[in-house]
Every structure is written in structure tokens, then in C-alpha cells.
């Protein structure tokens, strides 16, 4: 029997009482939390005493939405994050190609550019990439993951020509006045391409996934999501689990429209962990990205001369069918909705389905991102027991872009966490890695301060307290995963999934929260990361 007593610093429980003096952990389980005097009464010769030396202990973070296999795959790509021009993009791709020593003609892929921050304020075209890579196929992915650009060689390899039609829910960019592809691919025209690219070996992919899980652990996260599981993702997740290599718990959500069979054919993983991996439910996409202007809005984008408001991926009838299928399977459904029109499609679909499915609310459906969800929609989400998982970091990283694309009024209401809380809607926060690194202290900072890169406070009325922001990535996230009785707070009987920070997020200047460092991450009583 191994037991440890933590004391000598701030200990935040995430439930009443919010603070305690000490915590007793025995064999990976929290046994007691309370006064130091009471807990020291359990000390014996085998007890490890962990003095925190003024640091802060709290429950480990849970990641409410990201893509761990997506983060893993970026480790084999050219990093385009922070590129400031077309020339910079090309320079980075050239440097990557030279360093990687790839054979002539093999694919070069990059991730992380954002047209909003390029000097040209536009996506590059195939000609930009062709100038440097005339015969080598090149494909670059936007930071949102919703769009990208291919050069001529890549378009030819992918079979995209002037005769290729736009797929449902997607768009192929064209040379003005013609049907000739210009290299830009959007939403479903882009997202279905990865399966056609050559993949690293199984061993390389396992190593990349191992490196990815350590990034989560470095950020104090012990429960991680893979929010878009298709056959390729499932194969590597399952191989990792069967090899016993997961240190974190991973919850996968199978794409319902195309790959429901993964859940049906793997009952050992369905809604229960096997070697730290489980299938938590299904995933559905209803629209795109607000910074990419593909999110589906009920009113046009600001300064849109043609009344453009984005577009849906599915018809109402298709969405209704998918919701009904998820409820029939008694599976939780996570749905990507950035625009309020997409949110309306989801809410209306669940309202209709709830009339004939008694278990609808019990499945705890989740609206992922919920960027522009309206206040009247939040009220209806409450009635459906629908959880809002906000990508609240948008307020900082793309807040200035949203001011341009949405106008001040709508932009100030993105990720309306405070209103959601007032209306009784359970909400969580996520970073959607690899879109952003899985830094939960960064997302807490964004939720508390809501300050854009240019220093504009974006919706002061939607700021939340540091405590409520922390709850969104601990106890509320555990509830989202149906694991509120095992994780998310420091309470007897729960797993000793813990994180030690160098400062207390509840007492530092709110503007300093993002500077707090993770000193140690503990999974079921075992230290799995130390700074």
C-alpha cells in the first residue's frame, strides 16, 4: 500500500470547500481532503510526505475537445505557424524539405498558416507554391484545419481538375472566369484528402503519438480527446492502447456520418476504458470556421457585398437522421457548430428528436465551439441538457479578425460563457489542438480577460471568474465525459489525477494567469511529468 500526503501550499478542490490544507492519496485514489491535523493522523512509516513549498495543487485538467492524433501528425509536417507572407511560407517549406532529406518528388506537407496574418491577407494559390515546387506535390493546411492549398503537382495526384465538382459542404477554389482549380480547397473539399497521402510507418506514428501525449502531460492534462476518429485514427489509437503505451486517458469520438461501424465493431472500447482508451460517442460537423468565413451564420458576414453568410455541410433532413441514429445507439453526440445557423440546426434537430426519444437529454449532447451561439439558443440548450464547449481562446487569437468579420456587436458575444452559466448551461473550454497548443492555463486566461491581440476587450460582460474558468477545464469537463464521479475535483473516492502549479490562478493578477507554469502532473498517484 502506497500513500502520499500533500500539504504546505494552496490546494484547490473545485468543489465545496474550495480550499483544504492537505490531501491523502492511497494507491492512486484520493482518500481524504481536509485539515492537515486530521490527515497526518493517517501517517505511517511508509507514507510519503509531499511538501508543496507554497505551490498550488488542484485536479489535473481534462481536455474537453482536441485531436491528439492530429497533434501527433503535425510533428511530421513543416511548421507554418507565425508565417507572415507568401515568401515566408515558401521559405519554411524549402527549409523543411532540405532538412527532412525527402526523395525527389515525395510529398511535402505543412500545417499552421493563417491567411488573416499574412501580409497579402489572402490564401496563397497553386502558382505561389508552383514557383518553388514545380514537380513536387505540396499541400499546406490552414491553422483551423478547415482549408488548405495544393500546388499543381498535388492537384494532379489528387485527381482534382476543372471537371471536378464541389462536394457537398465544400468548395474548390477556381481561377477567375474558369473552372480551373486555383489550389485553394475548403471544408469537405479539403478535409477528405489526408487518407490519400502517404503515411509514416506504424512505428513512426506510435512515436509521434507518444510525443503528443507528453505535450498534454506538460500542460497538466491527463484526460485527452480525439475529436474526429476515422479508420486511420482508430488504427493508431488502438495500436497504442494495445501496446500499453498510453499514460493519459484518451476518449475518441467516431465520425457518425461515415464511420459508425468503428463503434459497433469495437464493443470492448465502447463507453469504457480499455488500456486507457475508450470510444466516448460520435462526432458530427455542421459548418466551418469563423476566421475562415465558412461558419454558417443567420446573418451575413460584416461588409459582405453579396449577403454571404457561410454554408451548411448537411441538409436539415440529414442532420435529423444522424441525431436519431446517435440516440438510437444511446451514444453521446459532439457536434461542431461555429455559426448560429449551424447551432440552430443542431438545437432544432434535438428538440424534434427529444419528443420521441426519452434518453435524449441523458446522452449529454455537446455543441463544440459554439462561437456565435445566441442567448435565446442557450436557453433552449439548457432545456435539452446540451453542453456548450467554447473555443474561448478565439477572443484573443482571432478576436480582431472577428471584429472585422462579424462587427462589434456579434464579435463581443462570441463564446458567451458568463451568460451560459447564468442560464444554467454547463460549459467547458478547449484549445482544439493542434489548432492551438493544449495549454489550459492559456484558455483560462482568455476566458477571464477576453482581450484581443490588439488589446481590445471583447465582450466585458462575458468575462468569467478564474474559479469558474478552472471549473470549465476540470469538474465540468469531467461531467461532459460522464466521469464526474472519478475525475475533475479533489474528493475522496476520485482518482488522484492532479497538477501542481507554481502559482495560484485564483490569487495572481488575472493578466498573469497565462504565465503560470505547470510544475508536475500526476496520474492516479504517479508522477508522469516534472518540469
Protein backbone atom coordinates (compact mmCIF):
# COMPACT_ATOMS: atom_id res chain seq x y z
CA UNK A 1 0.00 0.00 0.00
CA UNK A 2 1.46 3.33 -1.12
CA UNK A 3 0.15 6.55 0.35
CA UNK A 4 1.14 10.18 -0.05
CA UNK A 5 0.17 13.29 1.88
CA UNK A 6 0.26 16.63 0.03
CA UNK A 7 0.41 19.80 2.13
CA UNK A 8 2.26 23.09 2.53
CA UNK A 9 0.65 25.05 -0.30
CA UNK A 10 -2.70 26.16 -1.70
CA UNK A 11 -4.93 23.17 -2.50
CA UNK A 12 -7.95 23.89 -4.73
CA UNK A 13 -10.63 21.20 -4.79
CA UNK A 14 -13.01 22.64 -7.45
CA UNK A 15 -15.98 21.92 -5.17
CA UNK A 16 -17.03 22.97 -1.67
CA UNK A 17 -14.92 23.63 0.29
CA UNK A 18 -12.82 25.18 -2.47
CA UNK A 19 -9.63 25.03 -0.40
CA UNK A 20 -8.26 22.45 2.03
CA UNK A 21 -4.99 22.14 3.94
CA UNK A 22 -3.97 18.65 2.92
CA UNK A 23 -4.82 15.66 0.73
CA UNK A 24 -4.22 11.95 1.39
CA UNK A 25 -3.73 9.68 -1.65
CA UNK A 26 -3.59 5.90 -1.31
CA UNK A 27 -2.88 3.56 -4.23
CA UNK A 28 -3.85 6.18 -6.79
CA UNK A 29 -7.14 7.17 -5.12
CA UNK A 30 -7.94 10.28 -3.08
CA UNK A 31 -8.78 9.02 0.41
CA UNK A 32 -9.24 12.25 2.34
CA UNK A 33 -9.10 16.01 1.86
CA UNK A 34 -9.27 18.39 4.81
CA UNK A 35 -7.22 19.70 7.72
CA UNK A 36 -3.55 18.81 7.97
CA UNK A 37 -4.04 17.63 11.53
CA UNK A 38 -6.74 15.13 10.59
CA UNK A 39 -4.80 13.79 7.61
CA UNK A 40 -1.50 13.42 9.46
CA UNK A 41 -3.33 11.04 11.78
CA UNK A 42 -3.17 8.51 8.90
CA UNK A 43 0.62 8.81 8.54
CA UNK A 44 2.71 5.67 8.97
CA UNK A 45 6.32 4.68 8.27
CA UNK A 46 5.55 4.09 4.58
CA UNK A 47 3.81 7.42 3.97
CA UNK A 48 5.45 9.88 1.57
CA UNK A 49 5.11 13.48 2.73
CA UNK A 50 4.97 15.92 -0.19
CA UNK A 51 5.52 19.49 0.97
CA UNK A 52 4.29 21.81 -1.81
CA UNK A 53 6.59 24.65 -0.73
CA UNK A 54 3.93 27.25 -1.44
CA UNK A 55 2.93 25.89 -4.84
CA UNK A 56 -0.69 25.14 -5.78
CA UNK A 57 -2.26 21.69 -6.11
CA UNK A 58 -5.53 21.13 -7.96
CA UNK A 59 -7.22 18.41 -10.01
CA UNK A 60 -5.50 17.68 -13.30
CA UNK A 61 -7.01 19.32 -16.36
CA UNK A 62 -9.31 17.42 -18.71
CA UNK A 63 -9.23 18.35 -22.39
CA UNK A 64 -12.88 18.78 -23.49
CA UNK A 65 -12.05 18.86 -27.21
CA UNK A 66 -8.96 18.37 -29.34
CA UNK A 67 -7.39 15.90 -31.74
CA UNK A 68 -4.46 14.03 -30.22
CA UNK A 69 -3.76 12.11 -33.43
CA UNK A 70 -3.97 15.41 -35.32
CA UNK A 71 -1.40 16.95 -32.99
CA UNK A 72 0.77 13.86 -33.42
CA UNK A 73 0.61 14.10 -37.21
CA UNK A 74 1.79 17.73 -37.22
CA UNK A 75 5.11 16.59 -35.81
CA UNK A 76 6.00 15.21 -39.21
CA UNK A 77 4.96 18.38 -41.08
CA UNK A 78 6.55 21.71 -41.89
CA UNK A 79 5.54 24.23 -39.23
CA UNK A 80 3.88 27.26 -40.82
CA UNK A 81 2.64 28.81 -37.58
CA UNK A 82 3.55 32.50 -37.45
CA UNK A 83 4.35 32.78 -41.16
CA UNK A 84 3.81 36.40 -42.20
CA UNK A 85 3.83 36.28 -46.01
CA UNK A 86 3.72 34.04 -49.06
CA UNK A 87 7.51 34.29 -49.28
CA UNK A 88 7.83 33.17 -45.65
CA UNK A 89 5.58 30.17 -46.33
CA UNK A 90 7.70 29.09 -49.28
CA UNK A 91 10.93 29.64 -47.34
CA UNK A 92 9.74 27.43 -44.48
CA UNK A 93 8.64 24.69 -46.88
CA UNK A 94 12.02 24.77 -48.64
CA UNK A 95 13.89 24.56 -45.33
CA UNK A 96 11.72 21.65 -44.22
CA UNK A 97 12.27 19.79 -47.50
CA UNK A 98 16.03 20.27 -47.26
CA UNK A 99 16.23 19.21 -43.61
CA UNK A 100 13.99 16.15 -43.98
CA UNK A 101 16.01 14.78 -46.89
CA UNK A 102 12.90 13.57 -48.69
CA UNK A 103 13.33 11.74 -52.02
CA UNK A 104 12.72 13.83 -55.12
CA UNK A 105 9.02 14.01 -55.90
CA UNK A 106 7.75 12.86 -52.48
CA UNK A 107 5.00 14.86 -50.82
CA UNK A 108 5.80 17.97 -48.78
CA UNK A 109 3.08 18.93 -46.29
CA UNK A 110 2.85 21.86 -43.91
CA UNK A 111 0.49 22.95 -41.15
CA UNK A 112 -0.48 26.12 -39.34
CA UNK A 113 -0.57 29.09 -41.75
CA UNK A 114 -3.31 31.68 -41.22
CA UNK A 115 -4.24 33.95 -44.13
CA UNK A 116 -5.55 36.54 -41.68
CA UNK A 117 -1.98 37.18 -40.50
CA UNK A 118 -0.19 37.07 -43.86
CA UNK A 119 0.97 40.33 -45.46
CA UNK A 120 -1.17 39.52 -48.51
CA UNK A 121 -4.32 38.96 -46.35
CA UNK A 122 -5.26 36.05 -48.62
CA UNK A 123 -4.70 32.34 -49.11
CA UNK A 124 -1.84 31.54 -51.49
CA UNK A 125 -2.66 29.96 -54.83
CA UNK A 126 -1.10 26.99 -56.58
CA UNK A 127 1.11 29.40 -58.56
CA UNK A 128 2.77 30.62 -55.35
CA UNK A 129 3.72 27.04 -54.47
CA UNK A 130 4.48 26.02 -58.07
CA UNK A 131 7.20 28.69 -58.35
CA UNK A 132 9.27 26.81 -55.78
CA UNK A 133 7.96 23.26 -56.25
CA UNK A 134 7.19 22.69 -59.91
CA UNK A 135 7.28 18.88 -59.81
CA UNK A 136 6.94 18.04 -56.11
CA UNK A 137 3.40 17.72 -54.68
CA UNK A 138 2.85 20.26 -51.88
CA UNK A 139 -0.16 20.57 -49.59
CA UNK A 140 -0.43 23.12 -46.78
CA UNK A 141 -3.11 23.19 -44.08
CA UNK A 142 -4.68 26.29 -42.56
CA UNK A 143 -4.36 26.64 -38.76
CA UNK A 144 -8.09 25.93 -38.40
CA UNK A 145 -7.75 22.59 -40.21
CA UNK A 146 -10.77 23.50 -42.34
CA UNK A 147 -8.99 24.52 -45.53
CA UNK A 148 -5.69 24.45 -47.34
CA UNK A 149 -3.81 24.92 -50.60
CA UNK A 150 -2.33 22.40 -53.04
CA UNK A 151 0.12 23.08 -55.84
CA UNK A 152 -0.38 21.82 -59.39
CA UNK A 153 1.52 18.58 -58.80
CA UNK A 154 -0.59 17.84 -55.71
CA UNK A 155 -3.84 18.63 -57.53
CA UNK A 156 -2.83 16.21 -60.27
CA UNK A 157 -2.01 13.49 -57.72
CA UNK A 158 -5.36 14.06 -56.01
CA UNK A 159 -7.25 13.97 -59.31
CA UNK A 160 -8.72 17.46 -58.91
CA UNK A 161 -9.35 19.06 -62.30
CA UNK A 162 -11.65 21.57 -63.96
CA UNK A 163 -14.19 18.78 -64.26
CA UNK A 164 -14.20 18.03 -60.52
CA UNK A 165 -17.40 19.24 -58.90
CA UNK A 166 -17.56 20.90 -55.49
CA UNK A 167 -18.53 18.27 -52.89
CA UNK A 168 -21.48 18.82 -50.58
CA UNK A 169 -20.38 21.15 -47.80
CA UNK A 170 -17.16 22.16 -49.54
CA UNK A 171 -15.64 24.43 -52.16
CA UNK A 172 -12.83 24.11 -54.71
CA UNK A 173 -11.24 27.47 -55.50
CA UNK A 174 -11.23 28.36 -59.19
CA UNK A 175 -9.18 30.63 -61.43
CA UNK A 176 -11.47 33.64 -62.05
CA UNK A 177 -13.65 33.20 -65.11
CA UNK A 178 -12.86 29.49 -65.45
CA UNK A 179 -13.42 26.14 -63.75
CA UNK A 180 -9.68 25.56 -63.44
CA UNK A 181 -8.72 24.83 -59.78
CA UNK A 182 -6.54 27.57 -58.28
CA UNK A 183 -5.22 25.34 -55.49
CA UNK A 184 -7.46 26.52 -52.65
CA UNK A 185 -9.60 23.76 -51.09
CA UNK A 186 -12.26 24.43 -48.44
CA UNK A 187 -14.12 22.29 -45.88
CA UNK A 188 -15.16 18.87 -47.29
CA UNK A 189 -13.17 19.56 -50.49
CA UNK A 190 -10.09 19.62 -48.26
CA UNK A 191 -10.78 17.52 -45.18
CA UNK A 192 -11.18 14.26 -47.09
CA UNK A 193 -7.69 14.42 -48.59
CA UNK A 194 -5.50 13.13 -45.79
CA UNK A 195 -6.35 9.48 -46.41
CA UNK A 196 -4.90 9.83 -49.93
CA UNK A 197 -1.48 10.97 -48.70
CA UNK A 198 1.37 8.63 -47.90
CA UNK A 199 1.61 7.89 -44.17
CA UNK A 200 4.62 7.31 -41.88
CA UNK A 201 5.28 3.77 -40.70
CA UNK A 202 3.33 2.40 -37.74
CA UNK A 203 6.38 2.73 -35.51
CA UNK A 204 6.88 6.37 -36.55
CA UNK A 205 3.24 7.15 -35.87
CA UNK A 206 3.37 5.50 -32.44
CA UNK A 207 6.41 7.61 -31.60
CA UNK A 208 4.61 10.75 -32.77
CA UNK A 209 1.57 9.87 -30.69
CA UNK A 210 3.78 9.25 -27.67
CA UNK A 211 5.37 12.67 -28.15
CA UNK A 212 1.90 14.24 -28.45
CA UNK A 213 0.67 12.73 -25.18
CA UNK A 214 3.73 14.18 -23.43
CA UNK A 215 2.76 17.64 -24.69
CA UNK A 216 -0.61 17.22 -22.95
CA UNK A 217 1.11 16.00 -19.78
CA UNK A 218 3.45 19.01 -19.83
CA UNK A 219 0.30 21.13 -19.75
CA UNK A 220 -1.20 19.31 -16.76
CA UNK A 221 -3.77 17.35 -18.82
CA UNK A 222 -4.41 13.69 -18.01
CA UNK A 223 -7.63 13.08 -19.99
CA UNK A 224 -7.40 13.84 -23.71
CA UNK A 225 -9.82 13.79 -26.63
CA UNK A 226 -9.55 12.65 -30.20
CA UNK A 227 -12.48 14.54 -31.65
CA UNK A 228 -12.57 13.05 -35.13
CA UNK A 229 -11.94 9.33 -35.27
CA UNK A 230 -11.96 7.66 -38.65
CA UNK A 231 -10.42 4.29 -39.59
CA UNK A 232 -6.92 5.73 -39.86
CA UNK A 233 -7.07 7.45 -36.46
CA UNK A 234 -8.67 4.41 -34.84
CA UNK A 235 -5.97 2.09 -36.12
CA UNK A 236 -3.17 4.09 -34.49
CA UNK A 237 -5.13 4.76 -31.26
CA UNK A 238 -5.94 1.08 -30.87
CA UNK A 239 -2.35 0.05 -31.64
CA UNK A 240 -1.11 2.49 -28.99
CA UNK A 241 -3.59 1.15 -26.44
CA UNK A 242 -2.88 -2.50 -27.14
CA UNK A 243 0.84 -1.79 -26.78
CA UNK A 244 0.14 -0.31 -23.33
CA UNK A 245 1.81 2.99 -24.26
CA UNK A 246 -0.85 5.48 -23.14
CA UNK A 247 -0.07 7.46 -19.99
CA UNK A 248 -3.12 9.68 -20.48
CA UNK A 249 -6.75 8.57 -20.78
CA UNK A 250 -7.96 9.09 -24.37
CA UNK A 251 -11.62 9.48 -25.33
CA UNK A 252 -12.35 9.11 -29.04
CA UNK A 253 -15.42 10.32 -30.94
CA UNK A 254 -16.19 8.43 -34.14
CA UNK A 255 -17.37 10.39 -37.18
CA UNK A 256 -21.00 9.36 -37.32
CA UNK A 257 -21.81 10.10 -40.95
CA UNK A 258 -19.25 7.73 -42.40
CA UNK A 259 -17.68 5.52 -39.75
CA UNK A 260 -20.28 4.48 -37.20
CA UNK A 261 -19.08 0.90 -37.72
CA UNK A 262 -15.93 1.62 -35.70
CA UNK A 263 -18.04 1.93 -32.55
CA UNK A 264 -20.20 -1.07 -33.38
CA UNK A 265 -17.21 -3.31 -34.15
CA UNK A 266 -15.25 -2.44 -31.01
CA UNK A 267 -17.58 -3.11 -28.06
CA UNK A 268 -14.63 -3.58 -25.68
CA UNK A 269 -13.86 0.14 -26.06
CA UNK A 270 -17.38 1.48 -26.31
CA UNK A 271 -18.05 3.90 -23.42
CA UNK A 272 -15.48 2.14 -21.21
CA UNK A 273 -11.72 2.32 -20.97
CA UNK A 274 -9.51 -0.46 -22.24
CA UNK A 275 -5.80 0.23 -21.77
CA UNK A 276 -6.65 3.95 -21.26
CA UNK A 277 -8.66 4.27 -24.49
CA UNK A 278 -12.42 4.44 -24.94
CA UNK A 279 -14.95 5.42 -27.58
CA UNK A 280 -16.97 8.15 -25.90
CA UNK A 281 -19.53 8.68 -28.64
CA UNK A 282 -19.98 10.17 -32.09
CA UNK A 283 -18.88 13.36 -33.87
CA UNK A 284 -20.77 15.43 -36.42
CA UNK A 285 -19.72 18.57 -38.35
CA UNK A 286 -22.33 21.14 -39.36
CA UNK A 287 -20.25 24.07 -40.61
CA UNK A 288 -16.77 25.55 -40.82
CA UNK A 289 -14.54 28.23 -39.36
CA UNK A 290 -15.46 31.84 -38.43
CA UNK A 291 -11.97 33.20 -39.09
CA UNK A 292 -12.03 31.37 -42.42
CA UNK A 293 -15.55 32.75 -43.08
CA UNK A 294 -17.02 29.29 -43.64
CA UNK A 295 -19.02 29.20 -40.38
CA UNK A 296 -22.76 29.23 -41.16
CA UNK A 297 -24.43 32.39 -39.81
CA UNK A 298 -28.04 33.50 -39.68
CA UNK A 299 -26.98 37.00 -40.79
CA UNK A 300 -24.31 37.87 -43.38
CA UNK A 301 -20.69 38.47 -42.52
CA UNK A 302 -19.90 42.14 -41.96
CA UNK A 303 -19.15 44.12 -45.15
CA UNK A 304 -20.25 41.17 -47.27
CA UNK A 305 -21.44 42.71 -50.55
CA UNK A 306 -23.34 39.63 -51.67
CA UNK A 307 -25.01 38.78 -48.35
CA UNK A 308 -22.66 35.81 -47.86
CA UNK A 309 -23.26 34.05 -44.52
CA UNK A 310 -21.30 30.81 -44.88
CA UNK A 311 -22.94 27.49 -45.61
CA UNK A 312 -24.02 24.19 -44.03
CA UNK A 313 -22.45 20.79 -44.54
CA UNK A 314 -25.70 18.80 -44.34
CA UNK A 315 -29.38 19.37 -45.01
CA UNK A 316 -31.82 19.51 -42.09
CA UNK A 317 -33.09 16.08 -43.07
CA UNK A 318 -29.60 14.59 -42.99
CA UNK A 319 -28.86 16.15 -39.59
CA UNK A 320 -32.13 14.83 -38.19
CA UNK A 321 -31.26 11.35 -39.40
CA UNK A 322 -27.80 11.47 -37.79
CA UNK A 323 -29.17 12.72 -34.46
CA UNK A 324 -31.77 9.98 -34.48
CA UNK A 325 -29.06 7.38 -35.18
CA UNK A 326 -26.94 8.60 -32.27
CA UNK A 327 -29.91 8.46 -29.90
CA UNK A 328 -30.89 5.01 -31.17
CA UNK A 329 -27.34 3.84 -30.36
CA UNK A 330 -27.51 5.63 -26.97
CA UNK A 331 -24.27 7.43 -27.80
CA UNK A 332 -23.20 10.94 -26.85
CA UNK A 333 -23.04 13.25 -29.87
CA UNK A 334 -20.43 16.00 -30.14
CA UNK A 335 -21.32 18.47 -32.89
CA UNK A 336 -19.10 21.10 -34.45
CA UNK A 337 -21.10 24.35 -34.69
CA UNK A 338 -19.35 27.70 -35.09
CA UNK A 339 -22.14 29.75 -36.65
CA UNK A 340 -25.51 30.42 -35.04
CA UNK A 341 -27.31 28.98 -38.08
CA UNK A 342 -25.46 25.70 -37.53
CA UNK A 343 -26.31 25.93 -33.83
CA UNK A 344 -29.97 26.37 -34.77
CA UNK A 345 -29.84 23.29 -37.00
CA UNK A 346 -28.48 21.22 -34.11
CA UNK A 347 -30.81 22.58 -31.43
CA UNK A 348 -33.91 22.25 -33.61
CA UNK A 349 -32.87 18.73 -34.55
CA UNK A 350 -32.51 17.70 -30.91
CA UNK A 351 -35.78 19.37 -29.96
CA UNK A 352 -37.57 17.31 -32.58
CA UNK A 353 -35.74 14.12 -31.63
CA UNK A 354 -36.33 14.63 -27.90
CA UNK A 355 -40.07 14.41 -28.47
CA UNK A 356 -39.74 10.73 -29.35
CA UNK A 357 -36.54 9.72 -27.52
CA UNK A 358 -36.73 9.79 -23.74
CA UNK A 359 -32.95 9.36 -23.43
CA UNK A 360 -32.05 12.45 -25.48
CA UNK A 361 -31.05 14.64 -22.52
CA UNK A 362 -29.35 11.73 -20.75
CA UNK A 363 -26.81 11.43 -23.58
CA UNK A 364 -25.46 14.91 -22.70
CA UNK A 365 -25.09 16.22 -26.26
CA UNK A 366 -22.26 18.73 -26.72
CA UNK A 367 -22.09 21.74 -29.02
CA UNK A 368 -18.41 22.06 -29.91
CA UNK A 369 -17.02 25.61 -30.34
CA UNK A 370 -20.41 27.36 -30.13
CA UNK A 371 -18.69 30.57 -31.19
CA UNK A 372 -21.70 32.66 -32.19
CA UNK A 373 -24.48 30.82 -30.36
CA UNK A 374 -27.21 33.31 -29.40
CA UNK A 375 -28.63 33.94 -25.94
CA UNK A 376 -32.07 32.65 -26.98
CA UNK A 377 -30.39 29.46 -28.21
CA UNK A 378 -28.57 28.99 -24.91
CA UNK A 379 -31.95 28.94 -23.14
CA UNK A 380 -33.09 26.10 -25.40
CA UNK A 381 -29.78 24.27 -24.90
CA UNK A 382 -30.47 24.32 -21.17
CA UNK A 383 -33.83 22.68 -21.75
CA UNK A 384 -32.10 19.92 -23.75
CA UNK A 385 -29.27 19.42 -21.19
CA UNK A 386 -26.94 20.32 -24.06
CA UNK A 387 -23.38 21.23 -23.02
CA UNK A 388 -21.55 24.16 -24.63
CA UNK A 389 -17.83 23.55 -25.16
CA UNK A 390 -16.48 27.00 -26.06
CA UNK A 391 -13.31 27.64 -28.02
CA UNK A 392 -12.93 30.76 -25.87
CA UNK A 393 -9.32 31.35 -26.92
CA UNK A 394 -10.78 32.83 -30.12
CA UNK A 395 -11.36 36.01 -28.12
CA UNK A 396 -7.61 36.58 -28.08
CA UNK A 397 -6.12 34.82 -31.09
CA UNK A 398 -8.76 35.80 -33.66
CA UNK A 399 -10.72 38.45 -31.76
CA UNK A 400 -9.53 41.27 -34.02
CA UNK A 401 -10.43 39.18 -37.09
CA UNK A 402 -13.91 38.56 -35.65
CA UNK A 403 -14.39 42.32 -35.15
CA UNK A 404 -13.83 42.70 -38.90
CA UNK A 405 -15.83 39.65 -39.98
CA UNK A 406 -18.75 39.90 -37.54
CA UNK A 407 -18.88 43.51 -36.41
CA UNK A 408 -18.56 44.74 -32.83
CA UNK A 409 -21.93 43.52 -31.52
CA UNK A 410 -21.65 39.90 -32.64
CA UNK A 411 -17.92 39.66 -32.01
CA UNK A 412 -18.39 40.79 -28.41
CA UNK A 413 -20.78 37.90 -27.82
CA UNK A 414 -18.60 35.05 -29.12
CA UNK A 415 -18.11 32.24 -26.60
CA UNK A 416 -20.76 33.67 -24.25
CA UNK A 417 -19.66 31.68 -21.20
CA UNK A 418 -20.93 34.02 -18.50
CA UNK A 419 -24.43 34.11 -19.97
CA UNK A 420 -24.37 30.34 -20.41
CA UNK A 421 -23.56 29.96 -16.72
CA UNK A 422 -26.35 32.33 -15.70
CA UNK A 423 -28.79 30.29 -17.75
CA UNK A 424 -27.67 27.03 -16.16
CA UNK A 425 -25.91 25.66 -19.25
CA UNK A 426 -22.91 23.50 -18.35
CA UNK A 427 -19.91 24.82 -20.27
CA UNK A 428 -16.33 23.71 -20.86
CA UNK A 429 -13.33 25.32 -22.60
CA UNK A 430 -10.97 23.78 -25.13
CA UNK A 431 -8.00 24.66 -27.34
CA UNK A 432 -8.87 22.38 -30.30
CA UNK A 433 -5.27 21.19 -30.62
CA UNK A 434 -3.48 21.17 -32.99
CA UNK A 435 -5.19 24.49 -33.84
CA UNK A 436 -3.66 25.84 -30.61
CA UNK A 437 -1.34 24.07 -28.15
CA UNK A 438 -3.25 22.26 -25.36
CA UNK A 439 -2.48 24.93 -22.76
CA UNK A 440 -5.43 25.11 -20.36
CA UNK A 441 -3.94 27.99 -18.39
CA UNK A 442 -3.87 29.96 -21.64
CA UNK A 443 -7.55 29.23 -22.26
CA UNK A 444 -8.37 30.18 -18.65
CA UNK A 445 -6.55 33.48 -19.22
CA UNK A 446 -8.56 34.08 -22.40
CA UNK A 447 -11.88 33.37 -20.65
CA UNK A 448 -11.06 35.65 -17.71
CA UNK A 449 -9.66 38.59 -19.70
CA UNK A 450 -11.19 38.30 -23.21
CA UNK A 451 -8.51 40.56 -24.66
CA UNK A 452 -7.62 40.53 -28.35
CA UNK A 453 -4.06 40.63 -29.69
CA UNK A 454 -4.57 44.35 -30.33
CA UNK A 455 -5.58 44.93 -26.70
CA UNK A 456 -9.34 45.25 -27.24
CA UNK A 457 -11.58 43.83 -24.50
CA UNK A 458 -14.00 41.68 -26.46
CA UNK A 459 -17.24 41.48 -24.50
CA UNK A 460 -16.51 42.50 -20.92
CA UNK A 461 -19.97 41.21 -19.93
CA UNK A 462 -18.92 37.66 -20.93
CA UNK A 463 -15.78 37.50 -18.77
CA UNK A 464 -15.84 34.74 -16.16
CA UNK A 465 -14.05 34.44 -12.82
CA UNK A 466 -10.80 32.47 -12.60
CA UNK A 467 -12.59 29.85 -10.46
CA UNK A 468 -15.36 29.30 -13.00
CA UNK A 469 -12.80 29.16 -15.81
CA UNK A 470 -10.87 26.48 -13.92
CA UNK A 471 -14.06 24.51 -13.32
CA UNK A 472 -14.65 24.52 -17.09
CA UNK A 473 -11.46 22.51 -17.61
CA UNK A 474 -11.78 20.29 -14.53
CA UNK A 475 -15.09 19.34 -12.91
CA UNK A 476 -17.30 20.48 -15.80
CA UNK A 477 -15.09 18.68 -18.30
CA UNK A 478 -15.35 15.52 -16.21
CA UNK A 479 -19.15 15.88 -16.33
CA UNK A 480 -19.00 16.21 -20.11
CA UNK A 481 -17.23 12.84 -20.20
CA UNK A 482 -19.66 11.18 -17.73
CA UNK A 483 -16.66 10.91 -15.37
CA UNK A 484 -17.70 13.40 -12.68
CA UNK A 485 -17.59 10.61 -10.09
CA UNK A 486 -13.98 9.71 -10.97
CA UNK A 487 -12.26 12.93 -12.03
CA UNK A 488 -12.38 16.72 -12.04
CA UNK A 489 -12.18 17.56 -8.33
CA UNK A 490 -10.31 16.64 -5.18
CA UNK A 491 -12.76 14.48 -3.28
CA UNK A 492 -12.48 11.12 -1.50
CA UNK A 493 -13.04 8.23 -3.89
CA UNK A 494 -11.86 10.02 -7.02
CA UNK A 495 -8.71 9.24 -9.00
CA UNK A 496 -5.60 11.07 -7.86
CA UNK A 497 -5.23 12.88 -11.19
CA UNK A 498 -3.52 16.06 -10.01
CA UNK A 499 -1.46 19.00 -11.21
CA UNK A 500 0.96 21.23 -9.30
CA UNK A 501 1.31 24.87 -10.46
CA UNK A 502 3.97 27.36 -9.43
CA UNK A 503 1.28 29.96 -8.59
CA UNK A 504 -2.40 30.08 -7.62
CA UNK A 505 -4.66 31.13 -10.52
CA UNK A 506 -7.21 32.46 -8.01
CA UNK A 507 -4.82 34.90 -6.34
CA UNK A 508 -2.46 36.18 -9.05
CA UNK A 509 -3.25 39.21 -11.20
CA UNK A 510 -5.72 37.88 -13.82
CA UNK A 511 -3.42 39.13 -16.57
CA UNK A 512 -0.66 36.88 -15.20
CA UNK A 513 -2.61 33.59 -15.32
CA UNK A 514 -1.09 32.59 -18.66
CA UNK A 515 2.39 32.93 -17.14
CA UNK A 516 1.72 30.25 -14.50
CA UNK A 517 3.87 27.15 -15.02
CA UNK A 518 2.90 23.51 -14.65
CA UNK A 519 5.48 22.03 -12.27
CA UNK A 520 4.21 18.45 -12.07
CA UNK A 521 1.46 16.26 -13.47
CA UNK A 522 0.24 13.23 -11.51
CA UNK A 523 -1.85 10.43 -12.99
CA UNK A 524 -3.51 8.13 -10.46
CA UNK A 525 -0.91 8.97 -7.84
CA UNK A 526 2.08 8.51 -10.15
CA UNK A 527 4.18 11.48 -11.29
CA UNK A 528 4.16 11.43 -15.10
CA UNK A 529 5.69 14.85 -15.79
CA UNK A 530 8.04 17.09 -13.81
CA UNK A 531 9.23 20.47 -15.04
